[in-house]
Protein backbone atom coordinates (compact mmCIF):
# COMPACT_ATOMS: atom_id res chain seq x y z
CA MET A 1 132.19 109.11 101.83
CA LYS A 2 131.67 106.46 98.70
CA ILE A 3 127.99 105.97 98.24
CA LEU A 4 126.57 103.32 95.84
CA PHE A 5 122.94 103.22 95.20
CA LEU A 6 121.82 99.97 93.94
CA SER A 7 118.03 99.69 92.21
CA THR A 8 117.42 95.78 92.29
CA ASN A 9 114.58 95.77 90.67
CA ARG A 10 114.24 93.81 87.61
CA LEU A 11 110.19 93.82 86.65
CA LYS A 12 108.95 94.64 84.26
CA ILE A 13 105.27 94.50 84.11
CA ILE A 14 103.54 96.35 80.58
CA MET A 15 106.84 98.22 80.89
CA PRO A 16 110.24 99.14 82.87
CA PRO A 17 109.87 101.43 85.23
CA MET A 18 112.01 103.92 86.22
CA PRO A 19 113.15 104.08 90.21
CA LEU A 20 111.86 107.20 91.00
CA GLY A 21 111.94 107.31 94.75
CA LEU A 22 115.46 106.21 94.31
CA ALA A 23 116.44 108.85 91.94
CA SER A 24 114.71 111.13 94.49
CA VAL A 25 116.83 109.78 97.04
CA ILE A 26 120.41 110.38 95.68
CA ALA A 27 119.14 113.85 94.86
CA GLN A 28 119.01 115.25 98.38
CA ILE A 29 122.48 113.94 99.34
CA ASP A 30 125.77 116.56 98.43
CA ALA A 31 127.84 115.32 95.40
CA SER A 32 130.29 117.85 96.26
CA ARG A 33 130.70 115.94 99.61
CA HIS A 34 129.94 112.21 98.42
CA GLU A 35 130.98 110.54 95.89
CA LEU A 36 128.06 108.66 94.10
CA ARG A 37 127.43 105.75 92.11
CA VAL A 38 124.45 104.39 90.58
CA LEU A 39 123.98 100.87 89.48
CA ASP A 40 120.80 100.12 88.14
CA LEU A 41 119.97 96.18 87.61
CA MET A 42 116.70 96.54 85.54
CA PHE A 43 118.21 96.24 81.90
CA SER A 44 121.11 93.66 83.12
CA GLU A 45 122.11 90.51 81.32
CA GLN A 46 124.53 89.60 84.39
CA PRO A 47 123.25 91.52 87.45
CA GLU A 48 125.25 89.41 89.96
CA ALA A 49 128.74 89.75 87.57
CA GLU A 50 128.24 93.43 87.36
CA LEU A 51 127.38 94.12 90.89
CA GLN A 52 130.68 92.40 91.78
CA ALA A 53 132.16 94.55 89.31
CA VAL A 54 131.33 98.03 90.67
CA LEU A 55 132.12 96.75 94.16
CA SER A 56 135.34 95.81 93.49
CA SER A 57 135.93 98.92 90.89
CA PHE A 58 134.18 101.06 93.24
CA ALA A 59 135.01 99.70 96.70
CA PRO A 60 131.67 101.90 98.28
CA ASP A 61 131.62 102.89 101.96
CA LEU A 62 127.61 102.34 102.10
CA ILE A 63 125.54 100.78 100.02
CA ALA A 64 121.76 102.13 99.45
CA VAL A 65 119.44 99.40 98.33
CA SER A 66 116.57 99.98 96.96
CA ILE A 67 113.87 97.21 96.49
CA ARG A 68 110.53 97.82 94.72
CA ASN A 69 108.81 94.67 94.69
CA LEU A 70 107.82 92.22 96.89
CA ASP A 71 106.19 90.14 94.18
CA ASN A 72 104.65 90.31 90.61
CA GLN A 73 101.08 90.58 92.36
CA SER A 74 99.79 87.78 89.89
CA TYR A 75 97.34 85.35 91.37
CA PHE A 76 97.64 82.88 88.72
CA GLN A 77 101.48 83.10 88.18
CA THR A 78 103.09 84.03 91.35
CA GLU A 79 106.55 84.99 90.96
CA TYR A 80 107.67 86.22 94.72
CA MET A 81 110.81 88.52 94.49
CA LEU A 82 112.36 89.02 98.12
CA PRO A 83 115.13 86.07 97.35
CA HIS A 84 116.21 87.75 94.52
CA ALA A 85 116.93 91.12 96.58
CA ARG A 86 118.33 88.73 99.29
CA SER A 87 120.77 87.49 96.85
CA PHE A 88 122.40 90.69 95.69
CA LEU A 89 122.63 91.72 99.07
CA ASP A 90 124.33 88.50 100.07
CA THR A 91 126.79 89.51 96.99
CA CYS A 92 127.29 92.72 98.85
CA ARG A 93 128.10 91.25 102.00
CA ARG A 94 130.44 88.37 100.32
CA HIS A 95 132.62 91.10 98.29
CA SER A 96 132.85 94.07 100.31
CA THR A 97 132.93 95.77 104.27
CA ALA A 98 130.18 98.78 103.14
CA THR A 99 127.47 99.46 105.75
CA ILE A 100 124.02 98.24 103.85
CA VAL A 101 120.81 100.26 103.89
CA VAL A 102 117.66 99.42 102.65
CA GLY A 103 114.50 101.11 101.67
CA GLY A 104 111.87 101.16 98.80
CA ALA A 105 108.28 100.46 98.12
CA ALA A 106 108.61 96.61 99.05
CA PHE A 107 110.27 97.18 101.98
CA ASN A 108 107.58 99.65 103.56
CA VAL A 109 105.35 97.11 103.24
CA SER A 110 106.26 95.57 106.38
CA PRO A 111 109.84 97.34 107.39
CA VAL A 112 110.42 95.23 110.21
CA ALA A 113 109.64 91.86 108.34
CA CYS A 114 111.89 92.41 105.72
CA PHE A 115 114.65 93.87 107.62
CA VAL A 116 114.83 90.53 109.51
CA ALA A 117 114.59 88.35 105.93
CA LEU A 118 117.60 90.70 104.39
CA SER A 119 119.33 91.61 107.45
CA PRO A 120 121.08 95.02 106.46
CA ASP A 121 122.64 97.12 108.30
CA TYR A 122 120.06 100.03 108.67
CA GLY A 123 116.45 100.12 106.70
CA ILE A 124 114.62 103.64 106.21
CA ALA A 125 110.79 102.75 105.99
CA GLY A 126 108.56 105.38 104.79
CA GLU A 127 110.02 108.71 102.31
CA GLY A 128 113.60 108.09 102.56
CA GLU A 129 114.60 111.35 100.64
CA ILE A 130 115.17 113.70 104.34
CA ALA A 131 115.57 110.43 106.37
CA PHE A 132 118.36 108.82 104.43
CA ARG A 133 120.33 112.06 104.24
CA ALA A 134 120.35 112.08 107.24
CA LEU A 135 121.71 108.77 107.93
CA VAL A 136 124.68 109.41 105.93
CA ASP A 137 125.49 112.32 107.98
CA ARG A 138 125.30 110.67 111.09
CA ILE A 139 127.18 107.32 109.75
CA GLU A 140 130.02 109.93 108.31
CA ALA A 141 130.30 111.93 111.72
CA GLY A 142 130.25 108.59 113.96
CA SER A 143 127.23 109.65 115.58
CA ASP A 144 124.04 107.43 116.95
CA PRO A 145 121.63 107.25 114.33
CA SER A 146 118.96 105.80 116.34
CA ASP A 147 116.80 108.74 116.13
CA VAL A 148 116.31 109.19 112.74
CA PRO A 149 112.56 109.49 111.55
CA GLY A 150 112.00 106.22 109.79
CA LEU A 151 115.16 104.24 110.67
CA VAL A 152 115.14 100.51 111.46
CA TRP A 153 118.38 98.60 112.82
CA ARG A 154 119.18 95.64 115.13
CA ALA A 155 119.94 96.38 119.27
CA ALA A 156 120.77 93.82 121.79
CA ASP A 157 117.12 93.57 122.69
CA GLY A 158 116.07 93.07 118.95
CA VAL A 159 114.76 95.35 115.99
CA HIS A 160 113.53 98.48 116.20
CA MET A 161 111.28 100.95 114.14
CA ASN A 162 110.90 104.65 114.34
CA PRO A 163 107.83 105.80 113.10
CA PRO A 164 108.24 107.24 109.41
CA ARG A 165 108.11 111.35 109.28
CA TYR A 166 105.95 112.73 106.12
CA ILE A 167 107.62 115.28 104.12
CA GLU A 168 105.43 117.94 104.47
CA ASP A 169 107.07 120.54 102.27
CA LEU A 170 107.42 118.51 98.96
CA ASP A 171 108.99 121.93 97.07
CA ALA A 172 111.70 121.81 99.26
CA LEU A 173 113.41 118.83 97.39
CA LYS A 174 115.77 119.05 94.91
CA PRO A 175 114.09 117.33 91.73
CA PRO A 176 115.11 113.36 90.92
CA ARG A 177 118.23 112.50 89.42
CA ARG A 178 117.00 111.36 86.60
CA ASP A 179 120.14 112.04 84.93
CA LEU A 180 121.58 108.97 86.05
CA PHE A 181 119.53 106.47 84.61
CA ASP A 182 119.68 105.55 81.26
CA ASN A 183 116.41 107.33 80.26
CA ALA A 184 116.08 106.36 76.72
CA ARG A 185 116.59 102.64 77.02
CA TYR A 186 113.10 102.98 79.89
CA ALA A 187 111.61 105.01 77.23
CA ALA A 188 112.38 102.49 74.33
CA GLY A 189 110.92 99.77 76.69
CA GLY A 190 107.38 101.41 76.41
CA GLY A 191 108.55 103.63 79.62
CA PHE A 192 107.39 106.57 80.84
CA GLY A 193 109.30 109.63 82.68
CA ASN A 194 107.56 109.02 86.66
CA ILE A 195 106.67 112.48 88.03
CA VAL A 196 105.11 112.70 91.27
CA ILE A 197 102.92 115.79 91.79
CA LYS A 198 101.36 115.09 95.59
CA GLN A 199 101.63 112.24 97.81
CA GLY A 200 99.20 111.09 100.32
CA CYS A 201 95.68 109.93 99.56
CA SER A 202 92.43 110.37 101.39
CA PHE A 203 90.31 107.76 99.81
CA GLU A 204 89.65 104.34 101.91
CA CYS A 205 89.69 101.59 98.75
CA LEU A 206 89.30 98.26 101.12
CA TYR A 207 92.30 96.67 99.78
CA CYS A 208 94.88 99.72 99.59
CA GLU A 209 97.85 100.45 101.83
CA GLY A 210 98.19 103.63 100.27
CA PRO A 211 96.53 106.05 103.08
CA ASN A 212 98.63 104.23 105.67
CA ALA A 213 102.26 104.28 103.58
CA MET A 214 101.65 108.09 102.35
CA GLY A 215 99.16 109.50 104.59
CA ARG A 216 95.55 111.14 104.78
CA GLN A 217 96.22 114.43 104.10
CA TRP A 218 97.49 115.27 100.48
CA ARG A 219 100.67 117.02 100.63
CA ARG A 220 101.15 119.13 96.91
CA LYS A 221 104.15 120.16 95.24
CA SER A 222 103.10 123.89 93.34
CA PRO A 223 102.10 123.99 90.04
CA ALA A 224 105.48 125.95 89.32
CA VAL A 225 107.75 123.39 90.67
CA VAL A 226 105.56 120.65 88.80
CA VAL A 227 106.45 122.50 85.45
CA ASP A 228 109.80 123.39 86.71
CA GLU A 229 110.31 119.80 86.91
CA LEU A 230 108.60 118.62 83.18
CA GLU A 231 110.87 121.57 81.83
CA ALA A 232 113.96 119.49 83.23
CA MET A 233 113.13 116.04 81.59
CA ARG A 234 112.64 117.03 77.90
CA ARG A 235 116.00 118.94 78.50
CA GLN A 236 117.24 115.20 79.46
CA GLY A 237 115.08 113.93 76.31
CA ILE A 238 112.32 112.53 78.26
CA ASN A 239 109.03 113.63 76.14
CA VAL A 240 106.33 111.36 77.63
CA ALA A 241 105.62 111.39 81.16
CA PHE A 242 103.48 109.23 84.21
CA PHE A 243 101.81 111.63 86.90
CA THR A 244 101.96 108.62 89.66
CA ASP A 245 99.62 110.18 92.03
CA ALA A 246 97.60 107.75 93.36
CA ILE A 247 94.67 109.95 91.77
CA PHE A 248 95.45 113.36 89.78
CA ASN A 249 92.21 115.15 89.98
CA PHE A 250 91.52 115.36 93.39
CA PRO A 251 92.07 117.88 94.78
CA VAL A 252 90.33 119.22 91.55
CA ALA A 253 91.60 122.86 91.74
CA HIS A 254 94.98 121.45 91.95
CA ALA A 255 94.46 119.39 89.20
CA LYS A 256 93.35 122.38 87.47
CA ALA A 257 96.00 124.82 88.59
CA VAL A 258 98.96 122.17 87.20
CA CYS A 259 97.08 122.28 83.84
CA ARG A 260 96.82 125.86 83.43
CA GLU A 261 100.86 126.25 84.58
CA ILE A 262 101.51 123.72 81.66
CA LEU A 263 99.29 125.57 79.23
CA ARG A 264 101.25 128.93 80.53
CA ARG A 265 104.92 127.73 80.11
CA GLN A 266 104.14 124.85 77.46
CA PRO A 267 107.17 122.60 78.85
CA GLY A 268 106.90 120.20 75.57
CA VAL A 269 105.96 116.88 77.64
CA PHE A 270 102.72 114.43 76.97
CA TRP A 271 101.12 112.80 79.51
CA LEU A 272 99.13 110.24 81.47
CA THR A 273 97.38 109.98 84.81
CA PRO A 274 95.17 108.12 87.17
CA VAL A 275 91.62 109.96 87.72
CA HIS A 276 88.76 109.51 89.84
CA PRO A 277 85.50 109.38 88.17
CA ALA A 278 83.56 111.28 90.53
CA TYR A 279 85.89 114.37 90.07
CA LEU A 280 86.28 114.68 86.10
CA ASP A 281 84.29 117.56 85.16
CA ARG A 282 84.18 119.03 81.37
CA GLU A 283 86.65 121.99 82.15
CA LEU A 284 89.28 119.63 83.63
CA ILE A 285 88.99 117.18 80.92
CA THR A 286 89.13 120.02 78.28
CA LEU A 287 92.32 121.61 80.25
CA MET A 288 93.68 118.48 80.26
CA GLN A 289 93.65 117.91 76.76
CA GLN A 290 95.07 121.39 76.06
CA ALA A 291 98.06 120.83 78.58
CA GLY A 292 98.76 117.71 76.65
CA CYS A 293 97.33 114.93 78.29
CA THR A 294 96.85 112.11 75.99
CA ALA A 295 95.19 109.08 78.02
CA VAL A 296 93.51 108.39 81.42
CA THR A 297 93.53 105.52 83.66
CA LEU A 298 90.47 105.00 85.43
CA GLY A 299 90.97 102.29 88.57
CA CYS A 300 87.15 101.49 88.71
CA ASP A 301 87.75 97.97 89.87
CA SER A 302 84.44 97.15 89.21
CA GLY A 303 81.15 97.50 86.88
CA SER A 304 78.84 96.03 89.62
CA GLU A 305 77.29 98.74 92.10
CA LYS A 306 77.61 96.01 94.68
CA MET A 307 81.49 95.53 94.41
CA LEU A 308 81.82 99.59 94.19
CA ARG A 309 80.53 99.49 97.68
CA VAL A 310 82.23 96.63 99.01
CA LEU A 311 85.08 97.72 98.03
CA ARG A 312 84.73 101.15 99.32
CA LYS A 313 85.82 102.83 95.71
CA GLY A 314 84.17 106.02 96.83
CA PHE A 315 81.66 106.73 93.49
CA SER A 316 78.63 104.95 92.10
CA LYS A 317 78.27 103.34 88.79
CA GLU A 318 76.27 105.94 87.64
CA GLN A 319 79.51 108.50 88.66
CA LEU A 320 81.77 106.09 86.09
CA ARG A 321 79.36 105.85 83.48
CA VAL A 322 79.36 109.94 83.37
CA ALA A 323 83.03 109.62 83.66
CA ALA A 324 83.05 107.34 80.48
CA GLU A 325 81.39 109.20 78.60
CA ALA A 326 82.62 112.56 79.04
CA LEU A 327 86.13 111.21 78.14
CA GLU A 328 84.82 109.78 75.07
CA GLU A 329 82.70 112.56 73.89
CA ALA A 330 85.85 114.60 74.63
CA GLY A 331 88.07 112.05 72.46
CA LEU A 332 90.55 111.35 75.57
CA ASN A 333 91.36 108.14 76.02
CA TYR A 334 91.22 106.02 78.80
CA ILE A 335 91.95 102.76 80.56
CA LEU A 336 89.83 100.59 82.74
CA SER A 337 91.35 98.61 85.10
CA LEU A 338 89.29 96.04 86.75
CA LEU A 339 89.86 93.96 89.52
CA PHE A 340 87.95 90.81 90.26
CA GLY A 341 87.49 88.46 93.61
CA GLY A 342 86.72 91.00 96.46
CA PRO A 343 84.32 89.91 99.30
CA GLY A 344 80.49 88.92 97.99
CA GLU A 345 81.87 88.91 94.38
CA ASP A 346 80.26 86.40 92.05
CA ARG A 347 78.71 85.22 88.54
CA GLN A 348 76.38 88.08 88.91
CA THR A 349 78.71 91.03 89.76
CA VAL A 350 81.49 89.72 87.06
CA GLU A 351 78.69 90.00 84.65
CA GLU A 352 77.62 92.64 85.41
CA THR A 353 81.27 94.41 85.37
CA ILE A 354 81.72 93.07 81.69
CA ALA A 355 78.84 94.40 80.67
CA PHE A 356 79.29 97.48 81.71
CA VAL A 357 82.71 97.66 80.41
CA GLU A 358 81.02 96.52 77.00
CA GLN A 359 79.07 99.54 76.53
CA ARG A 360 81.78 101.71 76.83
CA ARG A 361 84.84 102.64 74.35
CA PRO A 362 88.25 102.34 76.62
CA PHE A 363 91.09 102.45 74.64
CA MET A 364 92.31 99.61 77.26
CA VAL A 365 91.08 96.93 79.40
CA ASP A 366 92.81 95.42 82.08
CA LEU A 367 91.65 92.70 84.12
CA THR A 368 93.05 91.24 87.40
CA VAL A 369 91.95 88.61 89.19
CA GLY A 370 92.78 88.12 92.80
CA ILE A 371 93.51 91.13 95.29
CA ARG A 372 97.02 91.01 96.86
CA LEU A 373 96.49 91.27 100.63
CA MET A 374 98.79 94.17 102.10
CA PRO A 375 99.30 94.86 106.23
CA GLY A 376 97.01 97.35 107.66
CA THR A 377 94.01 97.44 105.36
CA GLU A 378 90.42 96.52 106.23
CA LEU A 379 90.73 93.75 103.21
CA ALA A 380 93.81 91.89 105.56
CA ARG A 381 91.59 92.19 108.65
CA ILE A 382 88.65 90.52 106.82
CA ALA A 383 91.20 87.67 105.62
CA VAL A 384 92.39 87.12 108.81
CA ARG A 385 88.19 86.68 110.05
CA GLU A 386 87.90 84.08 107.46
CA GLY A 387 91.23 82.45 107.86
CA VAL A 388 92.74 83.17 104.92
CA ILE A 389 95.79 84.29 106.66
CA SER A 390 96.75 84.26 110.03
CA ALA A 391 96.92 87.36 112.27
CA ASP A 392 100.79 87.71 112.86
CA ASP A 393 101.08 87.29 108.75
CA PRO A 394 103.52 90.12 108.07
CA LEU A 395 102.65 89.52 104.48
CA LEU A 396 105.83 89.61 102.67
CA GLU A 397 105.27 86.74 100.59
CA PRO A 398 102.39 87.10 98.58
CA LYS A 399 98.93 86.20 100.13
CA PHE A 400 95.76 86.68 97.93
CA TYR A 401 92.11 87.34 98.33
CA ILE A 402 89.78 85.79 95.97
CA SER A 403 85.93 84.88 96.81
CA ARG A 404 85.21 81.55 96.61
CA ASP A 405 82.21 82.30 94.43
CA ILE A 406 84.28 82.93 91.51
CA LYS A 407 87.27 80.51 92.11
CA GLY A 408 87.50 77.45 89.46
CA TRP A 409 85.64 79.38 86.69
CA ILE A 410 86.65 82.86 86.56
CA GLU A 411 89.79 83.11 84.19
CA ASP A 412 88.48 80.43 81.60
CA TYR A 413 85.44 82.90 81.97
CA LEU A 414 87.81 86.28 81.45
CA ASN A 415 89.67 84.45 78.51
CA GLN A 416 87.14 84.02 76.86
CA VAL A 417 85.47 87.72 76.87
CA CYS A 418 88.87 88.80 76.06
CA SER A 419 89.13 86.90 73.06
CA ARG A 420 86.21 89.05 71.76
CA HIS A 421 88.20 92.63 72.56
CA PRO A 422 91.34 92.86 71.12
CA GLY A 423 92.49 95.50 73.95
CA TRP A 424 91.22 93.59 76.71
CA GLY A 425 94.16 91.77 78.42
CA ALA A 426 92.82 89.23 81.05
CA ALA A 427 94.58 89.06 84.53
CA ARG A 428 97.30 91.05 84.00
CA PRO A 429 99.16 92.15 87.43
CA GLU A 430 100.02 95.50 88.51
CA ALA A 431 103.34 95.63 90.86
CA GLN A 432 103.26 97.08 93.98
CA GLY A 433 105.00 100.90 95.17
CA HIS A 434 104.70 103.64 92.21
CA ARG A 435 108.28 105.05 92.63
């Protein structure tokens, strides 16, 4: 079977993210049985024309479409991305008779609604590596695929979706096919070689869909497999990696074991990673530095004790201060990511956060206003109760929660603050989807 893998993402917020999830899905397909082609539209100047050309020359039997972002998650300058993805699917329909399968981080936000909006033949919700391979086998054999985990499909009585199944043994997956993407161009644009070392999230942030999407139990790659992948990345010319885990340093023992394996084998890759302030002891910081970590992100969201509780961050203002001081004393660069607008946010909590951060020495500060509402989160339920959204809103189109007590003045205030600090960026959005 001839399979075309299409990465539709063209959003380059801060840096262009290499489509790691798609690269991992491709790796699980037997290239000796199937003819594979990849079209990554990230850097294309004429994406529609390039897609048409590949459809004509390759003539695929199956088109696997990866959609990373529904929108740019910017409250002030919102851009809805799903219509762009729909235009690419329409092009596939006009110029090919291939079966179309859709997946990706954006599809996972609200799979049934996204399926209806895009009208592919099939969708894959959740982790697609094993499910897509099973679907390919069923299509090739001409057998019924309706029991494939995570499958979304249309029947006579409407659209159906099977429950996704988490991949328990991450070590059993073949490493992502990064060689099929232009790693040098991603690096030239400021991007890193993304790597996943575990899946899942046991934390309970008010606004985050991660535990719903990835499960609440941590599923870890062994340290040896992590370093195997780092070594492969280095051979492909990638020397800076970003660990895309929700949190690198929990469980702490696994983080330390990964660092020790990197130290033992010396893959020659520098790396960055998100960390949780409550689990950042000095031994771990030293190990991370010795193992090649050059910076971390502290996704603290706030420097207000009240807002840390409201957002259910799982750490206190004092724990955040201690973690920041430890990083400063060790000389490890850190980035603070702030998120303004949660329930109860007001001038006092905003000013408390700014005062806290101004006492610290971060390498960079990211400030975002407005919280993108995601299905199944506690914040979405609050938004329903407050009449911000309807209970049946699938949240494909971007909707934001922002405390009414900061509307009208927060943007000007933060711009004034940032004018005093060159390394601070006001209202900079983050795109959903880490792979």
